[in-house]
C-alpha atoms as a PDB file:
ATOM      1  CA  UNK A   1      97.505  83.483 168.837  1.00  0.00           C
ATOM      2  CA  UNK A   2      97.687  84.270 172.467  1.00  0.00           C
ATOM      3  CA  UNK A   3      99.903  81.222 173.034  1.00  0.00           C
ATOM      4  CA  UNK A   4     102.726  82.526 170.837  1.00  0.00           C
ATOM      5  CA  UNK A   5     105.157  85.037 172.208  1.00  0.00           C
ATOM      6  CA  UNK A   6     105.116  88.441 170.539  1.00  0.00           C
ATOM      7  CA  UNK A   7     108.858  88.493 169.869  1.00  0.00           C
ATOM      8  CA  UNK A   8     108.956  85.383 167.684  1.00  0.00           C
ATOM      9  CA  UNK A   9     108.174  85.825 164.025  1.00  0.00           C
ATOM     10  CA  UNK A  10     105.336  83.933 162.483  1.00  0.00           C
ATOM     11  CA  UNK A  11     106.060  80.987 160.221  1.00  0.00           C
ATOM     12  CA  UNK A  12     106.759  81.940 156.627  1.00  0.00           C
ATOM     13  CA  UNK A  13     107.322  85.597 157.449  1.00  0.00           C
ATOM     14  CA  UNK A  14     110.149  87.602 155.775  1.00  0.00           C
ATOM     15  CA  UNK A  15     112.119  87.822 159.002  1.00  0.00           C
ATOM     16  CA  UNK A  16     112.541  84.035 159.056  1.00  0.00           C
ATOM     17  CA  UNK A  17     113.906  83.898 155.496  1.00  0.00           C
ATOM     18  CA  UNK A  18     116.497  86.634 156.156  1.00  0.00           C
ATOM     19  CA  UNK A  19     118.234  84.533 158.853  1.00  0.00           C
ATOM     20  CA  UNK A  20     118.781  81.548 156.549  1.00  0.00           C
ATOM     21  CA  UNK A  21     120.194  81.947 153.003  1.00  0.00           C
ATOM     22  CA  UNK A  22     117.680  80.958 150.407  1.00  0.00           C
ATOM     23  CA  UNK A  23     118.355  78.494 147.623  1.00  0.00           C
ATOM     24  CA  UNK A  24     118.461  81.255 144.975  1.00  0.00           C
ATOM     25  CA  UNK A  25     121.049  83.242 147.010  1.00  0.00           C
ATOM     26  CA  UNK A  26     123.284  80.165 147.215  1.00  0.00           C
ATOM     27  CA  UNK A  27     122.976  79.578 143.456  1.00  0.00           C
ATOM     28  CA  UNK A  28     123.785  83.231 142.717  1.00  0.00           C
ATOM     29  CA  UNK A  29     126.829  83.051 144.984  1.00  0.00           C
ATOM     30  CA  UNK A  30     128.052  79.884 143.264  1.00  0.00           C
ATOM     31  CA  UNK A  31     127.538  81.494 139.853  1.00  0.00           C
ATOM     32  CA  UNK A  32     129.559  84.555 140.918  1.00  0.00           C
ATOM     33  CA  UNK A  33     132.304  82.266 142.195  1.00  0.00           C
ATOM     34  CA  UNK A  34     132.234  80.260 138.969  1.00  0.00           C
ATOM     35  CA  UNK A  35     132.432  83.462 136.898  1.00  0.00           C
ATOM     36  CA  UNK A  36     135.353  84.675 139.029  1.00  0.00           C
ATOM     37  CA  UNK A  37     137.249  81.396 138.524  1.00  0.00           C
ATOM     38  CA  UNK A  38     136.503  81.448 134.806  1.00  0.00           C
ATOM     39  CA  UNK A  39     137.763  85.029 134.528  1.00  0.00           C
ATOM     40  CA  UNK A  40     140.944  84.152 136.448  1.00  0.00           C
ATOM     41  CA  UNK A  41     141.494  81.121 134.232  1.00  0.00           C
ATOM     42  CA  UNK A  42     141.128  83.241 131.069  1.00  0.00           C
ATOM     43  CA  UNK A  43     143.581  85.823 132.415  1.00  0.00           C
ATOM     44  CA  UNK A  44     146.160  83.187 133.370  1.00  0.00           C
ATOM     45  CA  UNK A  45     145.749  81.509 130.005  1.00  0.00           C
ATOM     46  CA  UNK A  46     146.347  84.837 128.213  1.00  0.00           C
ATOM     47  CA  UNK A  47     149.358  85.589 130.436  1.00  0.00           C
ATOM     48  CA  UNK A  48     150.870  82.198 129.643  1.00  0.00           C
ATOM     49  CA  UNK A  49     150.261  82.663 125.926  1.00  0.00           C
ATOM     50  CA  UNK A  50     151.982  86.086 126.047  1.00  0.00           C
ATOM     51  CA  UNK A  51     154.880  84.567 128.009  1.00  0.00           C
ATOM     52  CA  UNK A  52     155.270  81.765 125.465  1.00  0.00           C
ATOM     53  CA  UNK A  53     155.298  84.251 122.560  1.00  0.00           C
ATOM     54  CA  UNK A  54     157.806  86.524 124.322  1.00  0.00           C
ATOM     55  CA  UNK A  55     160.192  83.625 125.053  1.00  0.00           C
ATOM     56  CA  UNK A  56     159.961  82.440 121.435  1.00  0.00           C
ATOM     57  CA  UNK A  57     160.648  85.971 120.123  1.00  0.00           C
ATOM     58  CA  UNK A  58     163.637  86.373 122.479  1.00  0.00           C
ATOM     59  CA  UNK A  59     164.995  82.983 121.394  1.00  0.00           C
ATOM     60  CA  UNK A  60     164.751  83.965 117.716  1.00  0.00           C
ATOM     61  CA  UNK A  61     166.477  87.289 118.454  1.00  0.00           C
ATOM     62  CA  UNK A  62     169.328  85.505 120.248  1.00  0.00           C
ATOM     63  CA  UNK A  63     169.790  83.099 117.353  1.00  0.00           C
ATOM     64  CA  UNK A  64     169.735  85.986 114.865  1.00  0.00           C
ATOM     65  CA  UNK A  65     172.286  87.903 116.941  1.00  0.00           C
ATOM     66  CA  UNK A  66     174.550  84.855 117.128  1.00  0.00           C
ATOM     67  CA  UNK A  67     174.380  84.442 113.362  1.00  0.00           C
ATOM     68  CA  UNK A  68     175.063  88.150 112.857  1.00  0.00           C
ATOM     69  CA  UNK A  69     178.112  87.982 115.145  1.00  0.00           C
ATOM     70  CA  UNK A  70     179.510  84.993 113.233  1.00  0.00           C
ATOM     71  CA  UNK A  71     178.876  86.594 109.859  1.00  0.00           C
ATOM     72  CA  UNK A  72     180.519  89.813 110.980  1.00  0.00           C
ATOM     73  CA  UNK A  73     183.665  87.849 111.853  1.00  0.00           C
ATOM     74  CA  UNK A  74     183.533  86.117 108.470  1.00  0.00           C
ATOM     75  CA  UNK A  75     183.402  89.511 106.814  1.00  0.00           C
ATOM     76  CA  UNK A  76     186.842  90.273 108.228  1.00  0.00           C
ATOM     77  CA  UNK A  77     188.150  87.249 106.308  1.00  0.00           C
ATOM     78  CA  UNK A  78     186.381  88.449 103.166  1.00  0.00           C
ATOM     79  CA  UNK A  79     188.070  91.841 103.624  1.00  0.00           C
ATOM     80  CA  UNK A  80     191.470  90.142 103.772  1.00  0.00           C
ATOM     81  CA  UNK A  81     190.706  88.244 100.577  1.00  0.00           C
ATOM     82  CA  UNK A  82     189.580  91.464  98.899  1.00  0.00           C
ATOM     83  CA  UNK A  83     192.904  93.068  99.771  1.00  0.00           C
ATOM     84  CA  UNK A  84     194.858  89.972  98.667  1.00  0.00           C
ATOM     85  CA  UNK A  85     193.115  90.025  95.296  1.00  0.00           C
ATOM     86  CA  UNK A  86     193.992  93.676  94.683  1.00  0.00           C
ATOM     87  CA  UNK A  87     197.713  92.983  95.104  1.00  0.00           C
ATOM     88  CA  UNK A  88     199.537  91.864  91.972  1.00  0.00           C
ATOM     89  CA  UNK A  89     201.139  88.506  92.771  1.00  0.00           C
ATOM     90  CA  UNK A  90     203.616  88.860  89.904  1.00  0.00           C
ATOM     91  CA  UNK A  91     204.146  86.607  86.931  1.00  0.00           C
ATOM     92  CA  UNK A  92     205.245  83.470  88.748  1.00  0.00           C
ATOM     93  CA  UNK A  93     202.133  82.525  90.753  1.00  0.00           C
ATOM     94  CA  UNK A  94     198.904  82.344  88.705  1.00  0.00           C
ATOM     95  CA  UNK A  95     197.861  79.249  90.718  1.00  0.00           C
ATOM     96  CA  UNK A  96     198.048  81.209  93.965  1.00  0.00           C
ATOM     97  CA  UNK A  97     195.727  83.906  92.657  1.00  0.00           C
ATOM     98  CA  UNK A  98     193.300  81.308  91.287  1.00  0.00           C
ATOM     99  CA  UNK A  99     193.196  79.561  94.699  1.00  0.00           C
ATOM    100  CA  UNK A 100     192.539  82.807  96.516  1.00  0.00           C
ATOM    101  CA  UNK A 101     189.776  83.653  94.011  1.00  0.00           C
ATOM    102  CA  UNK A 102     188.101  80.257  94.565  1.00  0.00           C
ATOM    103  CA  UNK A 103     188.164  80.628  98.371  1.00  0.00           C
ATOM    104  CA  UNK A 104     186.881  84.192  98.053  1.00  0.00           C
ATOM    105  CA  UNK A 105     184.024  83.058  95.792  1.00  0.00           C
ATOM    106  CA  UNK A 106     183.090  80.244  98.181  1.00  0.00           C
ATOM    107  CA  UNK A 107     182.959  82.627 101.155  1.00  0.00           C
ATOM    108  CA  UNK A 108     180.797  85.062  99.197  1.00  0.00           C
ATOM    109  CA  UNK A 109     178.430  82.198  98.245  1.00  0.00           C
ATOM    110  CA  UNK A 110     178.067  81.221 101.918  1.00  0.00           C
ATOM    111  CA  UNK A 111     177.270  84.796 102.869  1.00  0.00           C
ATOM    112  CA  UNK A 112     174.802  85.236 100.001  1.00  0.00           C
ATOM    113  CA  UNK A 113     172.964  82.025 101.008  1.00  0.00           C
ATOM    114  CA  UNK A 114     172.559  83.497 104.508  1.00  0.00           C
ATOM    115  CA  UNK A 115     171.074  86.709 103.098  1.00  0.00           C
ATOM    116  CA  UNK A 116     174.207  88.835 103.542  1.00  0.00           C
ATOM    117  CA  UNK A 117     174.889  91.253 100.742  1.00  0.00           C
ATOM    118  CA  UNK A 118     177.175  94.244 100.305  1.00  0.00           C
ATOM    119  CA  UNK A 119     175.692  97.654  99.593  1.00  0.00           C
ATOM    120  CA  UNK A 120     177.093 100.316  97.327  1.00  0.00           C
ATOM    121  CA  UNK A 121     178.500 103.360  99.082  1.00  0.00           C
ATOM    122  CA  UNK A 122     180.539 105.170  96.409  1.00  0.00           C
ATOM    123  CA  UNK A 123     178.744 108.164  94.939  1.00  0.00           C
ATOM    124  CA  UNK A 124     175.928 108.119  97.499  1.00  0.00           C
ATOM    125  CA  UNK A 125     175.217 110.754 100.109  1.00  0.00           C
ATOM    126  CA  UNK A 126     176.743 110.089 103.510  1.00  0.00           C
ATOM    127  CA  UNK A 127     174.245 108.363 105.792  1.00  0.00           C
ATOM    128  CA  UNK A 128     175.389 107.903 109.409  1.00  0.00           C
ATOM    129  CA  UNK A 129     173.024 104.928 109.687  1.00  0.00           C
ATOM    130  CA  UNK A 130     174.854 103.095 106.877  1.00  0.00           C
ATOM    131  CA  UNK A 131     178.334 104.648 106.756  1.00  0.00           C
ATOM    132  CA  UNK A 132     181.172 105.260 109.159  1.00  0.00           C
ATOM    133  CA  UNK A 133     183.117 108.344 108.058  1.00  0.00           C
ATOM    134  CA  UNK A 134     186.814 107.954 108.796  1.00  0.00           C
ATOM    135  CA  UNK A 135     188.195 110.604 106.440  1.00  0.00           C
ATOM    136  CA  UNK A 136     186.840 113.998 105.326  1.00  0.00           C
ATOM    137  CA  UNK A 137     188.585 115.306 102.250  1.00  0.00           C
ATOM    138  CA  UNK A 138     188.214 118.570 100.353  1.00  0.00           C
ATOM    139  CA  UNK A 139     187.072 117.904  96.825  1.00  0.00           C
ATOM    140  CA  UNK A 140     185.809 120.564  94.401  1.00  0.00           C
ATOM    141  CA  UNK A 141     184.743 117.810  91.973  1.00  0.00           C
ATOM    142  CA  UNK A 142     182.204 116.283  94.389  1.00  0.00           C
ATOM    143  CA  UNK A 143     179.220 117.640  96.263  1.00  0.00           C
ATOM    144  CA  UNK A 144     179.300 118.201 100.028  1.00  0.00           C
ATOM    145  CA  UNK A 145     178.639 114.957 101.940  1.00  0.00           C
ATOM    146  CA  UNK A 146     179.170 112.636  98.966  1.00  0.00           C
ATOM    147  CA  UNK A 147     180.993 109.358  99.622  1.00  0.00           C
ATOM    148  CA  UNK A 148     184.138 109.506  97.448  1.00  0.00           C
ATOM    149  CA  UNK A 149     186.027 106.489  98.783  1.00  0.00           C
ATOM    150  CA  UNK A 150     185.248 103.150 100.373  1.00  0.00           C
ATOM    151  CA  UNK A 151     187.862 101.803 102.783  1.00  0.00           C
ATOM    152  CA  UNK A 152     185.784  98.834 103.925  1.00  0.00           C
ATOM    153  CA  UNK A 153     182.572  97.503 102.380  1.00  0.00           C
ATOM    154  CA  UNK A 154     179.323  97.671 104.269  1.00  0.00           C
ATOM    155  CA  UNK A 155     176.944  94.711 104.485  1.00  0.00           C
ATOM    156  CA  UNK A 156     173.269  94.159 105.233  1.00  0.00           C
ATOM    157  CA  UNK A 157     171.446  90.996 106.194  1.00  0.00           C
ATOM    158  CA  UNK A 158     167.921  91.243 104.886  1.00  0.00           C
ATOM    159  CA  UNK A 159     166.876  94.806 105.751  1.00  0.00           C
ATOM    160  CA  UNK A 160     169.120  95.037 108.818  1.00  0.00           C
ATOM    161  CA  UNK A 161     172.571  96.644 108.792  1.00  0.00           C
ATOM    162  CA  UNK A 162     175.205  94.056 109.612  1.00  0.00           C
ATOM    163  CA  UNK A 163     178.247  96.300 109.287  1.00  0.00           C
ATOM    164  CA  UNK A 164     178.535  99.954 108.215  1.00  0.00           C
ATOM    165  CA  UNK A 165     180.821 100.882 105.357  1.00  0.00           C
ATOM    166  CA  UNK A 166     184.014 102.766 106.290  1.00  0.00           C
ATOM    167  CA  UNK A 167     184.075 105.696 103.895  1.00  0.00           C
ATOM    168  CA  UNK A 168     185.854 108.852 102.813  1.00  0.00           C
ATOM    169  CA  UNK A 169     183.458 111.818 102.583  1.00  0.00           C
ATOM    170  CA  UNK A 170     183.851 114.938 100.434  1.00  0.00           C
ATOM    171  CA  UNK A 171     183.728 118.397 101.929  1.00  0.00           C
ATOM    172  CA  UNK A 172     183.880 121.794 100.250  1.00  0.00           C
END
């Protein structure tokens, strides 16, 4: 013992093991690193899945909006046919009226197949979510806020409003 300097630690002492990392410390560090990478991978995987779902939802919404825009333009044609059918063509043109009725029916079939349907406005209470009031008229025969005239039909596609009805509303 006298040969060894006093400042050097003895073999196998705790001071010697603190200078060099032990095998169990290295394994614990690798496990922490593995867990960190696994956690990052799970987060990135979830982020990508959310991104994919968001892009798909936005794509569906764009397609639905494009369809709604097209159908709304078609409704203007249906309105013209509605007006043409209310006009009496006279006695000399029954073929004209029949042709207009066939085209009108075909357009309505196309719209119905796409889930577009008109909704009834006459006699209902005015609803600003479904109706566009363009005329307010005094009417003692009707209750306040009742729709007494329909200037343009309103349409829904599924549960969503496609176009509000233009209406005349009673006031006291």
